[in-house]
Amino acid sequence: MTTSPRIDLRPGISKPVLLMISRRQVEEGDIASVLVSLKPFLATREDAWLYRGQMVLSVDGYNDDPRELVDIVEVRVFLRELERQWPYWAFFFNQVDDSVKLLGSCVCGTSYPGRGAVEIDAYKLGDFLNRAYAGMNSIFDKHGFPESELESMSRGLAEVIEQAGMA
């Protein structure tokens, strides 16, 4: 009996891709330019596989703002819209840094008392995860990636959410 080689989808970041969202984009609600910059990652089967789990979410331009990003209303609104329009983030975001936590906190929070604290709504979190899994499933289905890898990635996302204290 031969087995196919195991592919580790969570090796850490080996080929990091920085999804840099600028303060200007946030303030102008310029989701379109961000979506255009994300298209190449879905262009081919090879591109999707190469960049899976390698993307780091960064919102730039708030370094002098004493608030945490999640405490800034405009950032939350922007990231909610990004999550709504680009359901593939769970396939591409790494599971090592705070990218998933930041996005999830902005999308699933109901109260933001300050200093980065967030009260998470369980129903919003469930919907958030359902959309995330649907986005991953669509990429796996489109390209015929192995089901075992989808299961591994899905478990990894659940672990990230749990470790972030969101679940």
N, C-alpha and C. Protein backbone atom coordinates (compact mmCIF):
# COMPACT_ATOMS: atom_id res chain seq x y z
N MET A 1 0.84 -1.18 0.00
CA MET A 1 0.00 0.00 0.00
C MET A 1 0.89 1.24 0.00
N THR A 2 0.67 2.11 -0.94
CA THR A 2 1.44 3.35 -0.99
C THR A 2 0.58 4.49 -0.47
N THR A 3 1.24 5.43 0.12
CA THR A 3 0.52 6.61 0.61
C THR A 3 1.08 7.83 -0.08
N SER A 4 0.22 8.78 -0.30
CA SER A 4 0.69 10.02 -0.92
C SER A 4 1.39 10.85 0.14
N PRO A 5 2.34 11.68 -0.28
CA PRO A 5 3.06 12.50 0.69
C PRO A 5 2.12 13.47 1.39
N ARG A 6 2.36 13.67 2.65
CA ARG A 6 1.55 14.58 3.47
C ARG A 6 2.02 16.01 3.21
N ILE A 7 1.07 16.89 3.00
CA ILE A 7 1.37 18.30 2.80
C ILE A 7 0.94 19.05 4.04
N ASP A 8 1.87 19.71 4.70
CA ASP A 8 1.53 20.47 5.91
C ASP A 8 1.04 21.85 5.51
N LEU A 9 -0.23 22.13 5.80
CA LEU A 9 -0.80 23.43 5.44
C LEU A 9 -0.52 24.51 6.47
N ARG A 10 0.04 24.14 7.63
CA ARG A 10 0.29 25.13 8.65
C ARG A 10 1.75 25.09 9.09
N PRO A 11 2.68 25.25 8.15
CA PRO A 11 4.08 25.17 8.53
C PRO A 11 4.62 26.47 9.09
N GLY A 12 3.81 27.47 9.23
CA GLY A 12 4.30 28.80 9.53
C GLY A 12 4.38 29.55 8.22
N ILE A 13 4.89 30.69 8.26
CA ILE A 13 4.92 31.50 7.05
C ILE A 13 6.27 31.31 6.37
N SER A 14 6.24 30.68 5.19
CA SER A 14 7.49 30.47 4.47
C SER A 14 7.60 31.42 3.27
N LYS A 15 6.48 31.79 2.69
CA LYS A 15 6.46 32.73 1.58
C LYS A 15 5.39 33.78 1.91
N PRO A 16 5.66 34.63 2.87
CA PRO A 16 4.60 35.54 3.32
C PRO A 16 4.14 36.51 2.24
N VAL A 17 2.85 36.75 2.28
CA VAL A 17 2.23 37.71 1.39
C VAL A 17 1.54 38.72 2.31
N LEU A 18 1.89 39.97 2.15
CA LEU A 18 1.32 41.00 3.00
C LEU A 18 0.14 41.65 2.31
N LEU A 19 -1.04 41.47 2.89
CA LEU A 19 -2.22 42.19 2.42
C LEU A 19 -2.26 43.49 3.21
N MET A 20 -1.69 44.54 2.61
CA MET A 20 -1.58 45.83 3.27
C MET A 20 -2.75 46.71 2.86
N ILE A 21 -3.56 47.06 3.84
CA ILE A 21 -4.68 47.96 3.62
C ILE A 21 -4.29 49.31 4.23
N SER A 22 -4.37 50.35 3.43
CA SER A 22 -3.93 51.66 3.89
C SER A 22 -5.06 52.41 4.60
N ARG A 23 -4.67 53.36 5.37
CA ARG A 23 -5.64 54.21 6.05
C ARG A 23 -6.52 54.92 5.03
N ARG A 24 -5.92 55.34 3.92
CA ARG A 24 -6.70 55.99 2.86
C ARG A 24 -7.79 55.06 2.35
N GLN A 25 -7.43 53.80 2.08
CA GLN A 25 -8.43 52.84 1.62
C GLN A 25 -9.55 52.67 2.65
N VAL A 26 -9.17 52.60 3.90
CA VAL A 26 -10.17 52.46 4.97
C VAL A 26 -11.08 53.67 5.01
N GLU A 27 -10.51 54.85 5.05
CA GLU A 27 -11.30 56.08 5.19
C GLU A 27 -12.18 56.34 3.97
N GLU A 28 -11.72 55.93 2.78
CA GLU A 28 -12.51 56.12 1.57
C GLU A 28 -13.42 54.93 1.27
N GLY A 29 -13.31 53.88 2.08
CA GLY A 29 -14.11 52.68 1.83
C GLY A 29 -13.76 52.03 0.51
N ASP A 30 -12.49 52.10 0.13
CA ASP A 30 -12.02 51.63 -1.17
C ASP A 30 -11.76 50.11 -1.16
N ILE A 31 -12.81 49.35 -1.07
CA ILE A 31 -12.71 47.89 -1.10
C ILE A 31 -12.27 47.42 -2.49
N ALA A 32 -12.71 48.13 -3.51
CA ALA A 32 -12.45 47.71 -4.89
C ALA A 32 -10.95 47.52 -5.16
N SER A 33 -10.12 48.46 -4.70
CA SER A 33 -8.69 48.33 -4.98
C SER A 33 -8.08 47.14 -4.24
N VAL A 34 -8.59 46.83 -3.07
CA VAL A 34 -8.10 45.67 -2.33
C VAL A 34 -8.51 44.39 -3.06
N LEU A 35 -9.74 44.34 -3.52
CA LEU A 35 -10.22 43.15 -4.24
C LEU A 35 -9.42 42.93 -5.52
N VAL A 36 -9.07 44.00 -6.21
CA VAL A 36 -8.25 43.89 -7.42
C VAL A 36 -6.89 43.29 -7.08
N SER A 37 -6.31 43.72 -5.96
CA SER A 37 -4.99 43.20 -5.57
C SER A 37 -5.04 41.73 -5.16
N LEU A 38 -6.23 41.23 -4.82
CA LEU A 38 -6.37 39.83 -4.39
C LEU A 38 -6.66 38.87 -5.55
N LYS A 39 -7.07 39.39 -6.69
CA LYS A 39 -7.42 38.53 -7.83
C LYS A 39 -6.30 37.58 -8.27
N PRO A 40 -5.05 38.02 -8.31
CA PRO A 40 -3.99 37.11 -8.78
C PRO A 40 -3.85 35.83 -7.94
N PHE A 41 -4.24 35.88 -6.69
CA PHE A 41 -4.10 34.69 -5.84
C PHE A 41 -5.06 33.59 -6.23
N LEU A 42 -6.12 33.95 -6.92
CA LEU A 42 -7.11 32.98 -7.38
C LEU A 42 -6.98 32.69 -8.88
N ALA A 43 -5.96 33.26 -9.52
CA ALA A 43 -5.85 33.19 -10.97
C ALA A 43 -5.69 31.77 -11.49
N THR A 44 -4.85 30.99 -10.84
CA THR A 44 -4.62 29.63 -11.31
C THR A 44 -4.62 28.67 -10.11
N ARG A 45 -4.73 27.41 -10.44
CA ARG A 45 -4.66 26.36 -9.40
C ARG A 45 -3.32 26.45 -8.67
N GLU A 46 -2.26 26.64 -9.41
CA GLU A 46 -0.92 26.71 -8.83
C GLU A 46 -0.77 27.90 -7.91
N ASP A 47 -1.29 29.06 -8.33
CA ASP A 47 -1.21 30.25 -7.49
C ASP A 47 -1.97 30.05 -6.18
N ALA A 48 -3.17 29.52 -6.28
CA ALA A 48 -3.97 29.30 -5.07
C ALA A 48 -3.23 28.39 -4.11
N TRP A 49 -2.69 27.29 -4.62
CA TRP A 49 -2.00 26.33 -3.75
C TRP A 49 -0.73 26.92 -3.16
N LEU A 50 0.00 27.66 -3.95
CA LEU A 50 1.26 28.26 -3.49
C LEU A 50 1.03 29.24 -2.35
N TYR A 51 -0.05 30.02 -2.41
CA TYR A 51 -0.26 31.08 -1.43
C TYR A 51 -1.23 30.73 -0.32
N ARG A 52 -1.69 29.48 -0.28
CA ARG A 52 -2.59 29.07 0.79
C ARG A 52 -1.89 29.25 2.14
N GLY A 53 -2.59 29.85 3.07
CA GLY A 53 -2.07 30.00 4.42
C GLY A 53 -0.86 30.91 4.55
N GLN A 54 -0.60 31.74 3.54
CA GLN A 54 0.60 32.57 3.56
C GLN A 54 0.33 34.07 3.73
N MET A 55 -0.94 34.46 3.78
CA MET A 55 -1.27 35.88 3.77
C MET A 55 -1.37 36.46 5.18
N VAL A 56 -0.77 37.63 5.34
CA VAL A 56 -0.81 38.38 6.59
C VAL A 56 -1.65 39.63 6.36
N LEU A 57 -2.65 39.83 7.18
CA LEU A 57 -3.49 41.02 7.10
C LEU A 57 -2.87 42.14 7.90
N SER A 58 -2.71 43.30 7.28
CA SER A 58 -2.15 44.46 7.95
C SER A 58 -2.93 45.70 7.54
N VAL A 59 -3.27 46.51 8.52
CA VAL A 59 -3.92 47.79 8.26
C VAL A 59 -2.91 48.86 8.67
N ASP A 60 -2.47 49.63 7.70
CA ASP A 60 -1.39 50.60 7.91
C ASP A 60 -1.93 52.01 8.03
N GLY A 61 -1.19 52.84 8.75
CA GLY A 61 -1.52 54.26 8.83
C GLY A 61 -2.11 54.66 10.17
N TYR A 62 -2.22 53.73 11.08
CA TYR A 62 -2.79 54.01 12.40
C TYR A 62 -1.75 53.86 13.50
N ASN A 63 -0.48 53.86 13.13
CA ASN A 63 0.59 53.66 14.12
C ASN A 63 0.59 54.72 15.21
N ASP A 64 0.21 55.95 14.88
CA ASP A 64 0.20 57.02 15.87
C ASP A 64 -1.12 57.12 16.62
N ASP A 65 -2.07 56.28 16.25
CA ASP A 65 -3.37 56.26 16.91
C ASP A 65 -3.24 55.35 18.14
N PRO A 66 -3.58 55.85 19.32
CA PRO A 66 -3.41 55.03 20.52
C PRO A 66 -4.39 53.86 20.61
N ARG A 67 -5.43 53.87 19.81
CA ARG A 67 -6.41 52.79 19.85
C ARG A 67 -5.91 51.54 19.14
N GLU A 68 -6.42 50.41 19.55
CA GLU A 68 -6.18 49.17 18.82
C GLU A 68 -7.00 49.24 17.54
N LEU A 69 -6.58 48.54 16.50
CA LEU A 69 -7.30 48.57 15.23
C LEU A 69 -8.77 48.19 15.39
N VAL A 70 -9.05 47.21 16.21
CA VAL A 70 -10.42 46.75 16.40
C VAL A 70 -11.30 47.81 17.08
N ASP A 71 -10.68 48.78 17.73
CA ASP A 71 -11.43 49.85 18.39
C ASP A 71 -11.79 50.99 17.45
N ILE A 72 -11.28 50.95 16.24
CA ILE A 72 -11.51 52.02 15.27
C ILE A 72 -12.69 51.62 14.37
N VAL A 73 -13.77 52.38 14.47
CA VAL A 73 -15.02 52.05 13.77
C VAL A 73 -14.79 51.87 12.27
N GLU A 74 -14.04 52.76 11.65
CA GLU A 74 -13.83 52.70 10.21
C GLU A 74 -13.11 51.41 9.80
N VAL A 75 -12.17 50.97 10.63
CA VAL A 75 -11.46 49.72 10.34
C VAL A 75 -12.43 48.55 10.43
N ARG A 76 -13.26 48.55 11.46
CA ARG A 76 -14.24 47.46 11.59
C ARG A 76 -15.18 47.41 10.39
N VAL A 77 -15.69 48.56 9.99
CA VAL A 77 -16.61 48.63 8.85
C VAL A 77 -15.92 48.12 7.59
N PHE A 78 -14.70 48.54 7.37
CA PHE A 78 -13.95 48.14 6.18
C PHE A 78 -13.71 46.63 6.17
N LEU A 79 -13.24 46.09 7.27
CA LEU A 79 -12.94 44.66 7.32
C LEU A 79 -14.20 43.80 7.24
N ARG A 80 -15.30 44.29 7.77
CA ARG A 80 -16.57 43.56 7.61
C ARG A 80 -16.94 43.47 6.14
N GLU A 81 -16.77 44.56 5.44
CA GLU A 81 -17.11 44.57 4.01
C GLU A 81 -16.14 43.69 3.22
N LEU A 82 -14.87 43.74 3.57
CA LEU A 82 -13.89 42.88 2.90
C LEU A 82 -14.26 41.41 3.09
N GLU A 83 -14.61 41.04 4.30
CA GLU A 83 -14.99 39.65 4.58
C GLU A 83 -16.24 39.27 3.80
N ARG A 84 -17.15 40.19 3.66
CA ARG A 84 -18.40 39.92 2.93
C ARG A 84 -18.13 39.72 1.44
N GLN A 85 -17.21 40.51 0.88
CA GLN A 85 -16.97 40.46 -0.55
C GLN A 85 -15.88 39.48 -0.98
N TRP A 86 -15.03 39.06 -0.05
CA TRP A 86 -13.93 38.14 -0.40
C TRP A 86 -13.96 36.95 0.56
N PRO A 87 -14.77 35.94 0.23
CA PRO A 87 -14.97 34.81 1.14
C PRO A 87 -13.81 33.81 1.18
N TYR A 88 -12.72 34.12 0.52
CA TYR A 88 -11.61 33.18 0.41
C TYR A 88 -10.51 33.40 1.45
N TRP A 89 -10.70 34.37 2.32
CA TRP A 89 -9.66 34.74 3.28
C TRP A 89 -9.19 33.55 4.11
N ALA A 90 -10.09 32.65 4.49
CA ALA A 90 -9.70 31.54 5.36
C ALA A 90 -8.74 30.58 4.66
N PHE A 91 -8.78 30.53 3.35
CA PHE A 91 -7.85 29.70 2.59
C PHE A 91 -6.47 30.36 2.55
N PHE A 92 -6.45 31.68 2.46
CA PHE A 92 -5.18 32.39 2.25
C PHE A 92 -4.55 32.94 3.53
N PHE A 93 -5.34 33.36 4.51
CA PHE A 93 -4.76 33.94 5.71
C PHE A 93 -3.96 32.88 6.46
N ASN A 94 -2.82 33.30 7.00
CA ASN A 94 -2.04 32.36 7.78
C ASN A 94 -2.74 32.10 9.11
N GLN A 95 -2.36 31.02 9.73
CA GLN A 95 -2.97 30.64 11.00
C GLN A 95 -1.96 30.78 12.13
N VAL A 96 -1.02 31.71 11.93
CA VAL A 96 0.06 31.90 12.89
C VAL A 96 -0.04 33.23 13.62
N ASP A 97 -0.36 34.30 12.92
CA ASP A 97 -0.39 35.62 13.54
C ASP A 97 -1.83 36.00 13.91
N ASP A 98 -2.10 37.29 14.05
CA ASP A 98 -3.41 37.77 14.49
C ASP A 98 -4.35 38.16 13.34
N SER A 99 -4.03 37.76 12.11
CA SER A 99 -4.87 38.14 10.97
C SER A 99 -6.31 37.66 11.13
N VAL A 100 -6.48 36.39 11.44
CA VAL A 100 -7.82 35.82 11.61
C VAL A 100 -8.52 36.45 12.80
N LYS A 101 -7.77 36.64 13.87
CA LYS A 101 -8.34 37.24 15.09
C LYS A 101 -8.84 38.66 14.82
N LEU A 102 -8.06 39.46 14.10
CA LEU A 102 -8.47 40.82 13.79
C LEU A 102 -9.73 40.83 12.93
N LEU A 103 -9.73 40.05 11.87
CA LEU A 103 -10.89 40.00 11.00
C LEU A 103 -12.12 39.50 11.77
N GLY A 104 -11.96 38.42 12.50
CA GLY A 104 -13.07 37.85 13.25
C GLY A 104 -13.61 38.80 14.31
N SER A 105 -12.73 39.50 14.98
CA SER A 105 -13.17 40.46 16.00
C SER A 105 -13.98 41.60 15.39
N CYS A 106 -13.56 42.04 14.23
CA CYS A 106 -14.29 43.12 13.55
C CYS A 106 -15.65 42.65 13.05
N VAL A 107 -15.71 41.43 12.56
CA VAL A 107 -16.94 40.90 11.97
C VAL A 107 -17.92 40.40 13.03
N CYS A 108 -17.41 39.81 14.09
CA CYS A 108 -18.27 39.11 15.06
C CYS A 108 -18.52 39.86 16.35
N GLY A 109 -17.86 40.98 16.53
CA GLY A 109 -18.01 41.72 17.78
C GLY A 109 -19.35 42.44 17.88
N THR A 110 -19.82 42.55 19.10
CA THR A 110 -21.05 43.31 19.36
C THR A 110 -20.78 44.52 20.22
N SER A 111 -19.68 44.47 20.96
CA SER A 111 -19.31 45.57 21.83
C SER A 111 -17.79 45.69 21.84
N TYR A 112 -17.32 46.93 21.81
CA TYR A 112 -15.89 47.21 21.77
C TYR A 112 -15.58 48.21 22.88
N PRO A 113 -15.37 47.72 24.11
CA PRO A 113 -15.18 48.61 25.25
C PRO A 113 -13.84 49.34 25.27
N GLY A 114 -12.93 49.04 24.35
CA GLY A 114 -11.65 49.73 24.28
C GLY A 114 -10.49 48.83 24.65
N ARG A 115 -9.29 49.31 24.35
CA ARG A 115 -8.04 48.60 24.62
C ARG A 115 -8.00 47.22 23.97
N GLY A 116 -8.71 47.10 22.83
CA GLY A 116 -8.70 45.86 22.08
C GLY A 116 -9.68 44.81 22.57
N ALA A 117 -10.42 45.11 23.61
CA ALA A 117 -11.39 44.15 24.14
C ALA A 117 -12.59 44.08 23.19
N VAL A 118 -13.11 42.87 23.02
CA VAL A 118 -14.24 42.65 22.12
C VAL A 118 -15.17 41.63 22.74
N GLU A 119 -16.46 41.94 22.71
CA GLU A 119 -17.46 40.95 23.09
C GLU A 119 -17.96 40.32 21.80
N ILE A 120 -17.78 39.01 21.70
CA ILE A 120 -18.11 38.27 20.48
C ILE A 120 -19.53 37.73 20.56
N ASP A 121 -20.26 37.89 19.48
CA ASP A 121 -21.61 37.33 19.36
C ASP A 121 -21.49 35.92 18.78
N ALA A 122 -21.97 34.94 19.51
CA ALA A 122 -21.84 33.54 19.08
C ALA A 122 -22.51 33.27 17.74
N TYR A 123 -23.63 33.91 17.49
CA TYR A 123 -24.32 33.70 16.21
C TYR A 123 -23.52 34.30 15.05
N LYS A 124 -22.99 35.50 15.28
CA LYS A 124 -22.15 36.12 14.25
C LYS A 124 -20.91 35.28 13.99
N LEU A 125 -20.34 34.72 15.06
CA LEU A 125 -19.16 33.87 14.90
C LEU A 125 -19.51 32.63 14.09
N GLY A 126 -20.65 32.03 14.36
CA GLY A 126 -21.08 30.87 13.59
C GLY A 126 -21.24 31.20 12.12
N ASP A 127 -21.87 32.32 11.83
CA ASP A 127 -22.04 32.75 10.43
C ASP A 127 -20.69 33.03 9.77
N PHE A 128 -19.81 33.68 10.51
CA PHE A 128 -18.45 34.00 10.05
C PHE A 128 -17.72 32.72 9.66
N LEU A 129 -17.77 31.72 10.53
CA LEU A 129 -17.09 30.46 10.25
C LEU A 129 -17.74 29.71 9.10
N ASN A 130 -19.06 29.76 9.01
CA ASN A 130 -19.74 29.11 7.88
C ASN A 130 -19.31 29.72 6.56
N ARG A 131 -19.21 31.05 6.51
CA ARG A 131 -18.75 31.71 5.28
C ARG A 131 -17.29 31.35 4.99
N ALA A 132 -16.48 31.27 6.05
CA ALA A 132 -15.06 30.92 5.88
C ALA A 132 -14.91 29.52 5.30
N TYR A 133 -15.64 28.57 5.87
CA TYR A 133 -15.57 27.20 5.38
C TYR A 133 -16.12 27.10 3.95
N ALA A 134 -17.16 27.84 3.66
CA ALA A 134 -17.72 27.85 2.30
C ALA A 134 -16.69 28.39 1.30
N GLY A 135 -15.99 29.44 1.68
CA GLY A 135 -14.95 30.00 0.80
C GLY A 135 -13.83 29.00 0.56
N MET A 136 -13.38 28.33 1.64
CA MET A 136 -12.35 27.30 1.48
C MET A 136 -12.86 26.17 0.60
N ASN A 137 -14.07 25.71 0.88
CA ASN A 137 -14.65 24.61 0.10
C ASN A 137 -14.70 24.94 -1.38
N SER A 138 -15.07 26.17 -1.70
CA SER A 138 -15.19 26.53 -3.11
C SER A 138 -13.85 26.46 -3.83
N ILE A 139 -12.78 26.85 -3.16
CA ILE A 139 -11.45 26.78 -3.78
C ILE A 139 -11.02 25.32 -3.93
N PHE A 140 -11.25 24.52 -2.89
CA PHE A 140 -10.89 23.10 -2.96
C PHE A 140 -11.69 22.40 -4.05
N ASP A 141 -12.98 22.70 -4.14
CA ASP A 141 -13.82 22.08 -5.17
C ASP A 141 -13.39 22.51 -6.57
N LYS A 142 -13.15 23.79 -6.75
CA LYS A 142 -12.78 24.31 -8.07
C LYS A 142 -11.50 23.67 -8.60
N HIS A 143 -10.53 23.47 -7.70
CA HIS A 143 -9.22 23.00 -8.14
C HIS A 143 -8.96 21.52 -7.84
N GLY A 144 -9.90 20.87 -7.18
CA GLY A 144 -9.71 19.45 -6.90
C GLY A 144 -8.60 19.16 -5.91
N PHE A 145 -8.37 20.08 -4.98
CA PHE A 145 -7.37 19.85 -3.95
C PHE A 145 -7.86 18.72 -3.04
N PRO A 146 -6.93 18.01 -2.39
CA PRO A 146 -7.29 16.85 -1.57
C PRO A 146 -8.21 17.21 -0.39
N GLU A 147 -9.23 16.39 -0.21
CA GLU A 147 -10.19 16.56 0.88
C GLU A 147 -9.49 16.53 2.24
N SER A 148 -8.48 15.70 2.37
CA SER A 148 -7.77 15.61 3.65
C SER A 148 -7.11 16.93 4.01
N GLU A 149 -6.67 17.67 3.02
CA GLU A 149 -6.04 18.97 3.29
C GLU A 149 -7.09 20.01 3.68
N LEU A 150 -8.27 19.91 3.09
CA LEU A 150 -9.36 20.80 3.49
C LEU A 150 -9.72 20.55 4.95
N GLU A 151 -9.79 19.30 5.33
CA GLU A 151 -10.10 18.96 6.73
C GLU A 151 -9.04 19.51 7.68
N SER A 152 -7.79 19.39 7.29
CA SER A 152 -6.69 19.89 8.11
C SER A 152 -6.76 21.41 8.25
N MET A 153 -6.99 22.08 7.14
CA MET A 153 -7.10 23.55 7.18
C MET A 153 -8.29 23.99 8.02
N SER A 154 -9.39 23.29 7.89
CA SER A 154 -10.60 23.63 8.63
C SER A 154 -10.38 23.46 10.13
N ARG A 155 -9.73 22.36 10.51
CA ARG A 155 -9.40 22.16 11.92
C ARG A 155 -8.48 23.26 12.43
N GLY A 156 -7.52 23.64 11.59
CA GLY A 156 -6.60 24.70 11.98
C GLY A 156 -7.32 26.02 12.22
N LEU A 157 -8.29 26.35 11.37
CA LEU A 157 -9.05 27.58 11.56
C LEU A 157 -9.83 27.53 12.87
N ALA A 158 -10.45 26.40 13.14
CA ALA A 158 -11.19 26.25 14.40
C ALA A 158 -10.28 26.42 15.60
N GLU A 159 -9.07 25.88 15.51
CA GLU A 159 -8.09 26.01 16.59
C GLU A 159 -7.68 27.46 16.80
N VAL A 160 -7.46 28.18 15.71
CA VAL A 160 -7.09 29.60 15.81
C VAL A 160 -8.19 30.39 16.51
N ILE A 161 -9.42 30.14 16.14
CA ILE A 161 -10.57 30.83 16.75
C ILE A 161 -10.64 30.52 18.24
N GLU A 162 -10.44 29.25 18.56
CA GLU A 162 -10.50 28.82 19.97
C GLU A 162 -9.35 29.44 20.77
N GLN A 163 -8.14 29.37 20.23
CA GLN A 163 -6.97 29.93 20.92
C GLN A 163 -7.06 31.43 21.09
N ALA A 164 -7.78 32.10 20.20
CA ALA A 164 -7.96 33.55 20.30
C ALA A 164 -9.01 33.91 21.35
N GLY A 165 -9.67 32.89 21.89
CA GLY A 165 -10.70 33.13 22.91
C GLY A 165 -12.01 33.63 22.32
N MET A 166 -12.20 33.38 21.04
CA MET A 166 -13.41 33.87 20.38
C MET A 166 -14.55 32.88 20.48
N ALA A 167 -14.24 31.60 20.66
CA ALA A 167 -15.28 30.57 20.70
C ALA A 167 -15.71 30.29 22.13
